[in-house]
PDB file of N, CA and C in Angstrom:
ATOM      1  N   MET A   1      -4.188  15.217  27.375  1.00  0.00           N
ATOM      2  CA  MET A   1      -4.791  14.240  27.294  1.00  0.00           C
ATOM      3  C   MET A   1      -5.339  13.055  28.382  1.00  0.00           C
ATOM      4  N   GLU A   2      -6.546  12.384  28.533  1.00  0.00           N
ATOM      5  CA  GLU A   2      -6.591  11.656  29.540  1.00  0.00           C
ATOM      6  C   GLU A   2      -6.160  10.129  29.171  1.00  0.00           C
ATOM      7  N   GLN A   3      -5.895   9.565  30.466  1.00  0.00           N
ATOM      8  CA  GLN A   3      -4.821   8.647  29.963  1.00  0.00           C
ATOM      9  C   GLN A   3      -6.087   7.085  30.424  1.00  0.00           C
ATOM     10  N   ILE A   4      -6.567   6.397  29.653  1.00  0.00           N
ATOM     11  CA  ILE A   4      -7.675   5.255  29.447  1.00  0.00           C
ATOM     12  C   ILE A   4      -6.720   4.095  30.898  1.00  0.00           C
ATOM     13  N   LYS A   5      -7.929   4.022  31.720  1.00  0.00           N
ATOM     14  CA  LYS A   5      -7.228   2.628  32.815  1.00  0.00           C
ATOM     15  C   LYS A   5      -7.582   1.780  32.171  1.00  0.00           C
ATOM     16  N   LYS A   6      -7.638   0.172  32.938  1.00  0.00           N
ATOM     17  CA  LYS A   6      -7.758  -0.803  32.428  1.00  0.00           C
ATOM     18  C   LYS A   6      -8.889  -1.239  33.306  1.00  0.00           C
ATOM     19  N   GLU A   7      -9.701  -0.669  33.941  1.00  0.00           N
ATOM     20  CA  GLU A   7     -10.899  -0.709  34.230  1.00  0.00           C
ATOM     21  C   GLU A   7     -12.343   0.347  33.970  1.00  0.00           C
ATOM     22  N   ASP A   8     -11.669   1.031  32.670  1.00  0.00           N
ATOM     23  CA  ASP A   8     -12.573   1.628  32.059  1.00  0.00           C
ATOM     24  C   ASP A   8     -12.948   0.860  30.302  1.00  0.00           C
ATOM     25  N   ILE A   9     -11.949  -0.491  30.504  1.00  0.00           N
ATOM     26  CA  ILE A   9     -11.942  -1.235  28.832  1.00  0.00           C
ATOM     27  C   ILE A   9     -12.874  -2.619  29.118  1.00  0.00           C
ATOM     28  N   ASN A  10     -14.166  -2.318  28.912  1.00  0.00           N
ATOM     29  CA  ASN A  10     -15.168  -3.630  29.476  1.00  0.00           C
ATOM     30  C   ASN A  10     -14.839  -4.657  28.367  1.00  0.00           C
ATOM     31  N   PHE A  11     -14.483  -4.264  26.815  1.00  0.00           N
ATOM     32  CA  PHE A  11     -14.144  -5.363  26.115  1.00  0.00           C
ATOM     33  C   PHE A  11     -12.938  -5.106  24.874  1.00  0.00           C
ATOM     34  N   VAL A  12     -12.412  -5.714  24.598  1.00  0.00           N
ATOM     35  CA  VAL A  12     -11.958  -6.294  22.971  1.00  0.00           C
ATOM     36  C   VAL A  12     -12.245  -6.879  22.264  1.00  0.00           C
ATOM     37  N   ILE A  13     -12.106  -6.398  21.042  1.00  0.00           N
ATOM     38  CA  ILE A  13     -12.547  -7.444  20.062  1.00  0.00           C
ATOM     39  C   ILE A  13     -11.167  -7.540  19.093  1.00  0.00           C
ATOM     40  N   THR A  14     -11.188  -8.255  18.649  1.00  0.00           N
ATOM     41  CA  THR A  14      -9.569  -9.487  17.774  1.00  0.00           C
ATOM     42  C   THR A  14     -10.213  -9.501  16.883  1.00  0.00           C
ATOM     43  N   ASP A  15      -9.524  -9.800  15.593  1.00  0.00           N
ATOM     44  CA  ASP A  15     -10.349 -10.190  14.550  1.00  0.00           C
ATOM     45  C   ASP A  15      -8.661 -11.335  13.673  1.00  0.00           C
ATOM     46  N   LEU A  16      -8.248 -12.300  14.722  1.00  0.00           N
ATOM     47  CA  LEU A  16      -6.962 -12.716  14.356  1.00  0.00           C
ATOM     48  C   LEU A  16      -7.451 -13.400  12.539  1.00  0.00           C
ATOM     49  N   ASP A  17      -8.493 -13.707  12.308  1.00  0.00           N
ATOM     50  CA  ASP A  17      -8.826 -14.810  11.203  1.00  0.00           C
ATOM     51  C   ASP A  17      -9.430 -13.775  10.229  1.00  0.00           C
ATOM     52  N   ASP A  18      -9.686 -12.817  10.527  1.00  0.00           N
ATOM     53  CA  ASP A  18     -10.518 -12.096   9.370  1.00  0.00           C
ATOM     54  C   ASP A  18     -11.620 -12.362   8.584  1.00  0.00           C
ATOM     55  N   THR A  19     -12.586 -12.901   9.973  1.00  0.00           N
ATOM     56  CA  THR A  19     -13.862 -13.282  10.104  1.00  0.00           C
ATOM     57  C   THR A  19     -14.918 -12.009  10.280  1.00  0.00           C
ATOM     58  N   ILE A  20     -14.211 -10.845  10.890  1.00  0.00           N
ATOM     59  CA  ILE A  20     -15.602  -9.337  10.845  1.00  0.00           C
ATOM     60  C   ILE A  20     -14.639  -8.962   9.512  1.00  0.00           C
ATOM     61  N   TRP A  21     -13.566  -8.391   9.828  1.00  0.00           N
ATOM     62  CA  TRP A  21     -13.009  -7.724   8.335  1.00  0.00           C
ATOM     63  C   TRP A  21     -11.978  -8.238   7.365  1.00  0.00           C
ATOM     64  N   ASP A  22     -12.172  -8.372   6.253  1.00  0.00           N
ATOM     65  CA  ASP A  22     -11.101  -9.260   5.576  1.00  0.00           C
ATOM     66  C   ASP A  22     -10.338  -8.191   5.078  1.00  0.00           C
ATOM     67  N   TRP A  23      -8.957  -7.772   5.849  1.00  0.00           N
ATOM     68  CA  TRP A  23      -8.129  -7.358   5.753  1.00  0.00           C
ATOM     69  C   TRP A  23      -7.369  -7.542   4.024  1.00  0.00           C
ATOM     70  N   LEU A  24      -7.338  -9.172   4.259  1.00  0.00           N
ATOM     71  CA  LEU A  24      -6.493  -9.317   2.934  1.00  0.00           C
ATOM     72  C   LEU A  24      -6.606  -8.739   1.630  1.00  0.00           C
ATOM     73  N   GLU A  25      -8.166  -9.021   1.902  1.00  0.00           N
ATOM     74  CA  GLU A  25      -8.665  -8.732   0.019  1.00  0.00           C
ATOM     75  C   GLU A  25      -9.000  -6.638  -0.162  1.00  0.00           C
ATOM     76  N   MET A  26      -8.878  -6.605   1.371  1.00  0.00           N
ATOM     77  CA  MET A  26      -8.928  -4.644   1.319  1.00  0.00           C
ATOM     78  C   MET A  26      -7.772  -4.640   0.681  1.00  0.00           C
ATOM     79  N   TRP A  27      -6.765  -4.956   1.230  1.00  0.00           N
ATOM     80  CA  TRP A  27      -5.287  -4.918   0.609  1.00  0.00           C
ATOM     81  C   TRP A  27      -5.204  -5.388  -0.703  1.00  0.00           C
ATOM     82  N   TYR A  28      -5.364  -6.217  -1.494  1.00  0.00           N
ATOM     83  CA  TYR A  28      -5.404  -6.679  -2.428  1.00  0.00           C
ATOM     84  C   TYR A  28      -6.260  -5.775  -3.193  1.00  0.00           C
ATOM     85  N   GLN A  29      -7.287  -4.992  -3.115  1.00  0.00           N
ATOM     86  CA  GLN A  29      -7.857  -4.167  -3.888  1.00  0.00           C
ATOM     87  C   GLN A  29      -7.317  -2.906  -4.184  1.00  0.00           C
ATOM     88  N   SER A  30      -6.566  -2.759  -3.155  1.00  0.00           N
ATOM     89  CA  SER A  30      -6.041  -1.513  -3.596  1.00  0.00           C
ATOM     90  C   SER A  30      -4.703  -1.958  -4.098  1.00  0.00           C
ATOM     91  N   PHE A  31      -4.138  -2.643  -3.952  1.00  0.00           N
ATOM     92  CA  PHE A  31      -2.608  -2.573  -3.703  1.00  0.00           C
ATOM     93  C   PHE A  31      -2.209  -3.309  -5.486  1.00  0.00           C
ATOM     94  N   MET A  32      -3.165  -3.750  -5.808  1.00  0.00           N
ATOM     95  CA  MET A  32      -2.797  -4.900  -7.241  1.00  0.00           C
ATOM     96  C   MET A  32      -3.248  -3.532  -8.600  1.00  0.00           C
ATOM     97  N   PRO A  33      -3.984  -2.672  -8.392  1.00  0.00           N
ATOM     98  CA  PRO A  33      -4.240  -1.580  -9.312  1.00  0.00           C
ATOM     99  C   PRO A  33      -2.884  -0.278  -9.043  1.00  0.00           C
ATOM    100  N   TYR A  34      -2.553  -0.745  -7.990  1.00  0.00           N
ATOM    101  CA  TYR A  34      -1.645   0.083  -7.603  1.00  0.00           C
ATOM    102  C   TYR A  34      -0.091  -0.631  -8.350  1.00  0.00           C
ATOM    103  N   LEU A  35      -0.181  -1.807  -7.847  1.00  0.00           N
ATOM    104  CA  LEU A  35       1.099  -2.434  -9.353  1.00  0.00           C
ATOM    105  C   LEU A  35       0.899  -2.370 -10.832  1.00  0.00           C
ATOM    106  N   ASN A  36      -0.545  -2.742 -11.043  1.00  0.00           N
ATOM    107  CA  ASN A  36      -0.532  -2.802 -12.346  1.00  0.00           C
ATOM    108  C   ASN A  36       0.005  -0.833 -12.472  1.00  0.00           C
ATOM    109  N   ARG A  37      -0.355  -0.012 -12.025  1.00  0.00           N
ATOM    110  CA  ARG A  37      -0.540   1.131 -12.565  1.00  0.00           C
ATOM    111  C   ARG A  37       1.347   1.943 -13.080  1.00  0.00           C
ATOM    112  N   ILE A  38       2.036   1.085 -11.398  1.00  0.00           N
ATOM    113  CA  ILE A  38       3.508   1.057 -11.618  1.00  0.00           C
ATOM    114  C   ILE A  38       4.435   0.790 -13.257  1.00  0.00           C
ATOM    115  N   VAL A  39       3.540  -0.780 -13.486  1.00  0.00           N
ATOM    116  CA  VAL A  39       3.825  -1.512 -14.725  1.00  0.00           C
ATOM    117  C   VAL A  39       4.057  -0.688 -15.976  1.00  0.00           C
ATOM    118  N   GLU A  40       2.679  -0.771 -16.020  1.00  0.00           N
ATOM    119  CA  GLU A  40       2.036   0.632 -16.887  1.00  0.00           C
ATOM    120  C   GLU A  40       2.890   1.667 -17.498  1.00  0.00           C
ATOM    121  N   GLU A  41       3.234   2.195 -16.380  1.00  0.00           N
ATOM    122  CA  GLU A  41       3.563   3.795 -15.969  1.00  0.00           C
ATOM    123  C   GLU A  41       4.997   3.368 -16.153  1.00  0.00           C
ATOM    124  N   THR A  42       5.776   2.289 -16.049  1.00  0.00           N
ATOM    125  CA  THR A  42       7.427   2.156 -15.834  1.00  0.00           C
ATOM    126  C   THR A  42       7.577   1.444 -16.652  1.00  0.00           C
ATOM    127  N   GLY A  43       7.139   0.605 -17.260  1.00  0.00           N
ATOM    128  CA  GLY A  43       7.486  -0.753 -18.270  1.00  0.00           C
ATOM    129  C   GLY A  43       8.195  -1.750 -17.424  1.00  0.00           C
ATOM    130  N   ILE A  44       8.193  -1.518 -16.203  1.00  0.00           N
ATOM    131  CA  ILE A  44       9.383  -3.078 -15.456  1.00  0.00           C
ATOM    132  C   ILE A  44       7.795  -3.695 -15.691  1.00  0.00           C
ATOM    133  N   ASN A  45       8.792  -4.756 -15.643  1.00  0.00           N
ATOM    134  CA  ASN A  45       8.172  -6.708 -15.717  1.00  0.00           C
ATOM    135  C   ASN A  45       7.597  -6.360 -13.941  1.00  0.00           C
ATOM    136  N   ILE A  46       6.177  -7.080 -13.959  1.00  0.00           N
ATOM    137  CA  ILE A  46       5.236  -7.444 -13.161  1.00  0.00           C
ATOM    138  C   ILE A  46       6.569  -8.408 -12.242  1.00  0.00           C
ATOM    139  N   ASN A  47       6.385  -9.141 -12.545  1.00  0.00           N
ATOM    140  CA  ASN A  47       7.191 -10.149 -11.834  1.00  0.00           C
ATOM    141  C   ASN A  47       8.389  -9.758 -11.286  1.00  0.00           C
ATOM    142  N   ILE A  48       8.983  -8.894 -11.706  1.00  0.00           N
ATOM    143  CA  ILE A  48      10.321  -8.001 -10.639  1.00  0.00           C
ATOM    144  C   ILE A  48      10.060  -7.325  -9.738  1.00  0.00           C
ATOM    145  N   LEU A  49       8.760  -6.393  -9.810  1.00  0.00           N
ATOM    146  CA  LEU A  49       8.745  -5.570  -9.009  1.00  0.00           C
ATOM    147  C   LEU A  49       7.827  -6.365  -7.838  1.00  0.00           C
ATOM    148  N   LYS A  50       6.907  -7.648  -8.453  1.00  0.00           N
ATOM    149  CA  LYS A  50       6.682  -8.273  -7.144  1.00  0.00           C
ATOM    150  C   LYS A  50       7.532  -8.803  -6.107  1.00  0.00           C
ATOM    151  N   LYS A  51       8.369  -9.518  -6.516  1.00  0.00           N
ATOM    152  CA  LYS A  51       9.671  -9.661  -5.608  1.00  0.00           C
ATOM    153  C   LYS A  51      10.530  -8.662  -4.920  1.00  0.00           C
ATOM    154  N   GLU A  52      10.102  -7.510  -5.568  1.00  0.00           N
ATOM    155  CA  GLU A  52      11.139  -6.470  -4.905  1.00  0.00           C
ATOM    156  C   GLU A  52      10.052  -6.000  -3.572  1.00  0.00           C
ATOM    157  N   PHE A  53       9.066  -6.146  -3.948  1.00  0.00           N
ATOM    158  CA  PHE A  53       8.087  -5.717  -3.029  1.00  0.00           C
ATOM    159  C   PHE A  53       8.140  -6.509  -1.827  1.00  0.00           C
ATOM    160  N   LYS A  54       7.927  -8.224  -2.450  1.00  0.00           N
ATOM    161  CA  LYS A  54       7.752  -8.801  -1.138  1.00  0.00           C
ATOM    162  C   LYS A  54       9.366  -8.716  -0.212  1.00  0.00           C
ATOM    163  N   ALA A  55       9.838  -8.544  -0.888  1.00  0.00           N
ATOM    164  CA  ALA A  55      11.607  -8.553  -0.175  1.00  0.00           C
ATOM    165  C   ALA A  55      11.059  -7.079   0.917  1.00  0.00           C
ATOM    166  N   LEU A  56      10.660  -6.116   0.445  1.00  0.00           N
ATOM    167  CA  LEU A  56      10.757  -4.800   1.490  1.00  0.00           C
ATOM    168  C   LEU A  56       9.348  -5.269   2.556  1.00  0.00           C
ATOM    169  N   HIS A  57       8.769  -6.135   1.691  1.00  0.00           N
ATOM    170  CA  HIS A  57       7.283  -5.815   2.917  1.00  0.00           C
ATOM    171  C   HIS A  57       7.577  -7.317   4.047  1.00  0.00           C
ATOM    172  N   GLU A  58       8.509  -8.167   3.432  1.00  0.00           N
ATOM    173  CA  GLU A  58       9.349  -9.066   4.349  1.00  0.00           C
ATOM    174  C   GLU A  58      10.261  -8.070   5.669  1.00  0.00           C
ATOM    175  N   LYS A  59      10.785  -7.368   4.931  1.00  0.00           N
ATOM    176  CA  LYS A  59      12.205  -6.586   5.386  1.00  0.00           C
ATOM    177  C   LYS A  59      11.308  -5.433   6.709  1.00  0.00           C
ATOM    178  N   TYR A  60      10.648  -4.844   6.447  1.00  0.00           N
ATOM    179  CA  TYR A  60       9.341  -4.188   6.971  1.00  0.00           C
ATOM    180  C   TYR A  60       8.242  -4.735   8.058  1.00  0.00           C
ATOM    181  N   GLY A  61       8.031  -6.090   7.668  1.00  0.00           N
ATOM    182  CA  GLY A  61       7.133  -6.954   8.457  1.00  0.00           C
ATOM    183  C   GLY A  61       5.822  -5.983   8.207  1.00  0.00           C
ATOM    184  N   THR A  62       5.546  -5.323   6.871  1.00  0.00           N
ATOM    185  CA  THR A  62       4.363  -4.856   6.637  1.00  0.00           C
ATOM    186  C   THR A  62       4.036  -4.485   5.645  1.00  0.00           C
ATOM    187  N   THR A  63       2.394  -4.152   4.748  1.00  0.00           N
ATOM    188  CA  THR A  63       2.566  -3.899   3.310  1.00  0.00           C
ATOM    189  C   THR A  63       2.509  -2.401   3.601  1.00  0.00           C
ATOM    190  N   GLU A  64       2.378  -1.491   4.750  1.00  0.00           N
ATOM    191  CA  GLU A  64       1.503  -0.842   4.765  1.00  0.00           C
ATOM    192  C   GLU A  64       2.540   1.100   5.109  1.00  0.00           C
ATOM    193  N   MET A  65       3.037   0.754   3.846  1.00  0.00           N
ATOM    194  CA  MET A  65       3.860   2.039   3.655  1.00  0.00           C
ATOM    195  C   MET A  65       3.764   2.293   2.246  1.00  0.00           C
ATOM    196  N   SER A  66       3.375   4.093   1.954  1.00  0.00           N
ATOM    197  CA  SER A  66       3.144   4.287   0.588  1.00  0.00           C
ATOM    198  C   SER A  66       4.242   4.788  -0.037  1.00  0.00           C
ATOM    199  N   PHE A  67       5.306   5.127   0.830  1.00  0.00           N
ATOM    200  CA  PHE A  67       6.677   5.769   0.067  1.00  0.00           C
ATOM    201  C   PHE A  67       7.819   4.362  -0.249  1.00  0.00           C
ATOM    202  N   ILE A  68       7.154   2.997  -0.159  1.00  0.00           N
ATOM    203  CA  ILE A  68       7.810   2.000  -0.537  1.00  0.00           C
ATOM    204  C   ILE A  68       8.703   2.242  -1.824  1.00  0.00           C
ATOM    205  N   TYR A  69       7.986   2.443  -2.834  1.00  0.00           N
ATOM    206  CA  TYR A  69       8.178   2.481  -4.018  1.00  0.00           C
ATOM    207  C   TYR A  69      10.097   3.452  -3.866  1.00  0.00           C
ATOM    208  N   LYS A  70      10.211   3.883  -2.790  1.00  0.00           N
ATOM    209  CA  LYS A  70      11.293   4.762  -3.425  1.00  0.00           C
ATOM    210  C   LYS A  70      12.615   3.684  -2.699  1.00  0.00           C
ATOM    211  N   GLU A  71      12.345   2.430  -2.078  1.00  0.00           N
ATOM    212  CA  GLU A  71      13.307   1.640  -1.879  1.00  0.00           C
ATOM    213  C   GLU A  71      13.075   0.365  -2.648  1.00  0.00           C
ATOM    214  N   LEU A  72      12.329   0.701  -4.040  1.00  0.00           N
ATOM    215  CA  LEU A  72      12.067  -0.616  -5.064  1.00  0.00           C
ATOM    216  C   LEU A  72      13.494  -0.076  -6.254  1.00  0.00           C
ATOM    217  N   PRO A  73      14.586  -1.362  -6.193  1.00  0.00           N
ATOM    218  CA  PRO A  73      15.996  -1.053  -7.055  1.00  0.00           C
ATOM    219  C   PRO A  73      15.268  -0.987  -8.289  1.00  0.00           C
ATOM    220  N   SER A  74      13.844  -1.313  -9.059  1.00  0.00           N
ATOM    221  CA  SER A  74      13.659  -1.159 -10.067  1.00  0.00           C
ATOM    222  C   SER A  74      13.468   0.627 -10.217  1.00  0.00           C
ATOM    223  N   ILE A  75      12.903   0.515  -9.316  1.00  0.00           N
ATOM    224  CA  ILE A  75      12.138   2.221  -9.718  1.00  0.00           C
ATOM    225  C   ILE A  75      13.740   3.617  -9.299  1.00  0.00           C
ATOM    226  N   ASN A  76      14.356   4.291 -10.189  1.00  0.00           N
ATOM    227  CA  ASN A  76      14.783   5.016 -10.313  1.00  0.00           C
ATOM    228  C   ASN A  76      14.561   6.543 -10.033  1.00  0.00           C
ATOM    229  N   GLN A  77      14.937   7.429  -9.011  1.00  0.00           N
ATOM    230  CA  GLN A  77      14.177   8.843  -8.842  1.00  0.00           C
ATOM    231  C   GLN A  77      13.678   9.463 -10.803  1.00  0.00           C
ATOM    232  N   SER A  78      13.976   9.142 -11.535  1.00  0.00           N
ATOM    233  CA  SER A  78      13.161   9.949 -12.566  1.00  0.00           C
ATOM    234  C   SER A  78      11.277   9.651 -12.948  1.00  0.00           C
ATOM    235  N   PHE A  79      11.396   8.200 -12.161  1.00  0.00           N
ATOM    236  CA  PHE A  79      10.003   8.130 -12.409  1.00  0.00           C
ATOM    237  C   PHE A  79       8.820   8.440 -10.683  1.00  0.00           C
ATOM    238  N   TYR A  80      10.070   9.016 -10.072  1.00  0.00           N
ATOM    239  CA  TYR A  80       9.046   9.505  -8.415  1.00  0.00           C
ATOM    240  C   TYR A  80       8.058  10.894  -9.282  1.00  0.00           C
ATOM    241  N   PRO A  81       8.210  11.486 -10.095  1.00  0.00           N
ATOM    242  CA  PRO A  81       6.973  12.545 -10.557  1.00  0.00           C
ATOM    243  C   PRO A  81       5.548  11.485 -10.567  1.00  0.00           C
ATOM    244  N   ILE A  82       5.674  10.447 -11.351  1.00  0.00           N
ATOM    245  CA  ILE A  82       4.228   9.770 -11.749  1.00  0.00           C
ATOM    246  C   ILE A  82       3.799   9.308 -10.590  1.00  0.00           C
ATOM    247  N   PHE A  83       4.522   8.947  -9.025  1.00  0.00           N
ATOM    248  CA  PHE A  83       3.996   8.474  -8.366  1.00  0.00           C
ATOM    249  C   PHE A  83       3.414   9.585  -7.019  1.00  0.00           C
ATOM    250  N   GLU A  84       4.386  10.789  -7.466  1.00  0.00           N
ATOM    251  CA  GLU A  84       3.882  12.294  -6.426  1.00  0.00           C
ATOM    252  C   GLU A  84       2.882  13.207  -7.121  1.00  0.00           C
ATOM    253  N   GLU A  85       2.971  13.367  -8.533  1.00  0.00           N
ATOM    254  CA  GLU A  85       2.388  14.480  -9.220  1.00  0.00           C
ATOM    255  C   GLU A  85       1.303  14.289  -9.828  1.00  0.00           C
ATOM    256  N   VAL A  86       0.346  14.872 -10.673  1.00  0.00           N
ATOM    257  CA  VAL A  86      -0.451  14.667 -11.614  1.00  0.00           C
ATOM    258  C   VAL A  86       0.543  14.789 -13.067  1.00  0.00           C
ATOM    259  N   VAL A  87       0.032  13.995 -13.867  1.00  0.00           N
ATOM    260  CA  VAL A  87       0.872  13.492 -15.011  1.00  0.00           C
ATOM    261  C   VAL A  87      -0.326  13.290 -16.580  1.00  0.00           C
ATOM    262  N   ASP A  88       0.055  14.328 -16.732  1.00  0.00           N
ATOM    263  CA  ASP A  88      -0.817  14.014 -18.387  1.00  0.00           C
ATOM    264  C   ASP A  88      -2.673  14.317 -18.227  1.00  0.00           C
ATOM    265  N   GLY A  89      -3.159  14.495 -16.802  1.00  0.00           N
ATOM    266  CA  GLY A  89      -4.337  14.556 -15.963  1.00  0.00           C
ATOM    267  C   GLY A  89      -4.528  13.623 -15.055  1.00  0.00           C
ATOM    268  N   LYS A  90      -3.696  12.907 -14.983  1.00  0.00           N
ATOM    269  CA  LYS A  90      -4.151  11.471 -14.397  1.00  0.00           C
ATOM    270  C   LYS A  90      -3.593  11.455 -13.238  1.00  0.00           C
ATOM    271  N   LYS A  91      -4.449  10.917 -11.979  1.00  0.00           N
ATOM    272  CA  LYS A  91      -4.251  11.287 -10.248  1.00  0.00           C
ATOM    273  C   LYS A  91      -2.730  10.306 -10.447  1.00  0.00           C
ATOM    274  N   SER A  92      -2.210  11.046  -9.648  1.00  0.00           N
ATOM    275  CA  SER A  92      -0.640  10.539  -9.047  1.00  0.00           C
ATOM    276  C   SER A  92      -1.421   9.186  -8.587  1.00  0.00           C
ATOM    277  N   ILE A  93      -0.023   8.454  -8.299  1.00  0.00           N
ATOM    278  CA  ILE A  93      -0.087   6.428  -8.424  1.00  0.00           C
ATOM    279  C   ILE A  93      -0.233   6.573  -6.930  1.00  0.00           C
ATOM    280  N   LEU A  94       0.550   7.228  -6.125  1.00  0.00           N
ATOM    281  CA  LEU A  94       0.223   7.195  -4.509  1.00  0.00           C
ATOM    282  C   LEU A  94      -1.105   7.564  -4.501  1.00  0.00           C
ATOM    283  N   HIS A  95      -1.923   9.400  -5.533  1.00  0.00           N
ATOM    284  CA  HIS A  95      -3.146   9.662  -4.952  1.00  0.00           C
ATOM    285  C   HIS A  95      -3.933   8.723  -5.068  1.00  0.00           C
ATOM    286  N   GLU A  96      -4.008   7.601  -6.556  1.00  0.00           N
ATOM    287  CA  GLU A  96      -4.633   7.272  -7.240  1.00  0.00           C
ATOM    288  C   GLU A  96      -5.077   5.365  -5.791  1.00  0.00           C
ATOM    289  N   TYR A  97      -3.327   5.335  -5.494  1.00  0.00           N
ATOM    290  CA  TYR A  97      -3.983   4.385  -4.441  1.00  0.00           C
ATOM    291  C   TYR A  97      -4.194   4.404  -3.336  1.00  0.00           C
ATOM    292  N   ASN A  98      -3.682   5.216  -2.586  1.00  0.00           N
ATOM    293  CA  ASN A  98      -3.946   6.139  -1.535  1.00  0.00           C
ATOM    294  C   ASN A  98      -6.092   6.078  -1.170  1.00  0.00           C
ATOM    295  N   SER A  99      -6.442   6.559  -2.805  1.00  0.00           N
ATOM    296  CA  SER A  99      -8.301   6.218  -2.948  1.00  0.00           C
ATOM    297  C   SER A  99      -8.601   4.955  -3.039  1.00  0.00           C
ATOM    298  N   ASN A 100      -7.951   4.215  -3.792  1.00  0.00           N
ATOM    299  CA  ASN A 100      -8.606   3.189  -3.496  1.00  0.00           C
ATOM    300  C   ASN A 100      -8.903   2.247  -2.348  1.00  0.00           C
ATOM    301  N   LYS A 101      -7.326   2.534  -1.412  1.00  0.00           N
ATOM    302  CA  LYS A 101      -7.896   2.073  -0.308  1.00  0.00           C
ATOM    303  C   LYS A 101      -9.065   2.924   0.619  1.00  0.00           C
ATOM    304  N   LYS A 102      -9.328   3.834   0.486  1.00  0.00           N
ATOM    305  CA  LYS A 102     -10.656   4.567   0.943  1.00  0.00           C
ATOM    306  C   LYS A 102     -12.151   4.086   0.781  1.00  0.00           C
ATOM    307  N   ILE A 103     -11.828   3.591  -0.971  1.00  0.00           N
ATOM    308  CA  ILE A 103     -13.383   3.033  -1.147  1.00  0.00           C
ATOM    309  C   ILE A 103     -13.611   1.279  -0.775  1.00  0.00           C
ATOM    310  N   ILE A 104     -12.698   0.539  -0.342  1.00  0.00           N
ATOM    311  CA  ILE A 104     -12.949  -0.779  -0.065  1.00  0.00           C
ATOM    312  C   ILE A 104     -13.434  -0.801   1.094  1.00  0.00           C
TER     313      ILE A 104
END
C-alpha cells in the first residue's frame, strides 16, 4: 500500500458544525426506527432503553455500534434472534437498522 505524504495533500475539509452534512439528522433517522422496533418487538419501555443507550453511548464516546444491544441491561439473550435473524418474514432489527443508514 502506498503511503500518502503530507505534500500530496492539497486541502482538508472539516465539518465541525454540520453545515455540509447533517450527521445528527442521519443518525436520528436511522436510530429512531431502530429504537422503536426494539420497543415493539420486546415490550421494553422506550424511556428505559433511551437511558441505557445513552449510558453506553457516553461510555464508548460513540453511537456507531451496531451490536451495542448486547450490552443493554434490559435486553437478555432470548431477544437476540430478533436482532440477528429474519423472524416472521421481517428483516432482523440489525438488517433494518443498517438498511436505514444507507438510504439517508
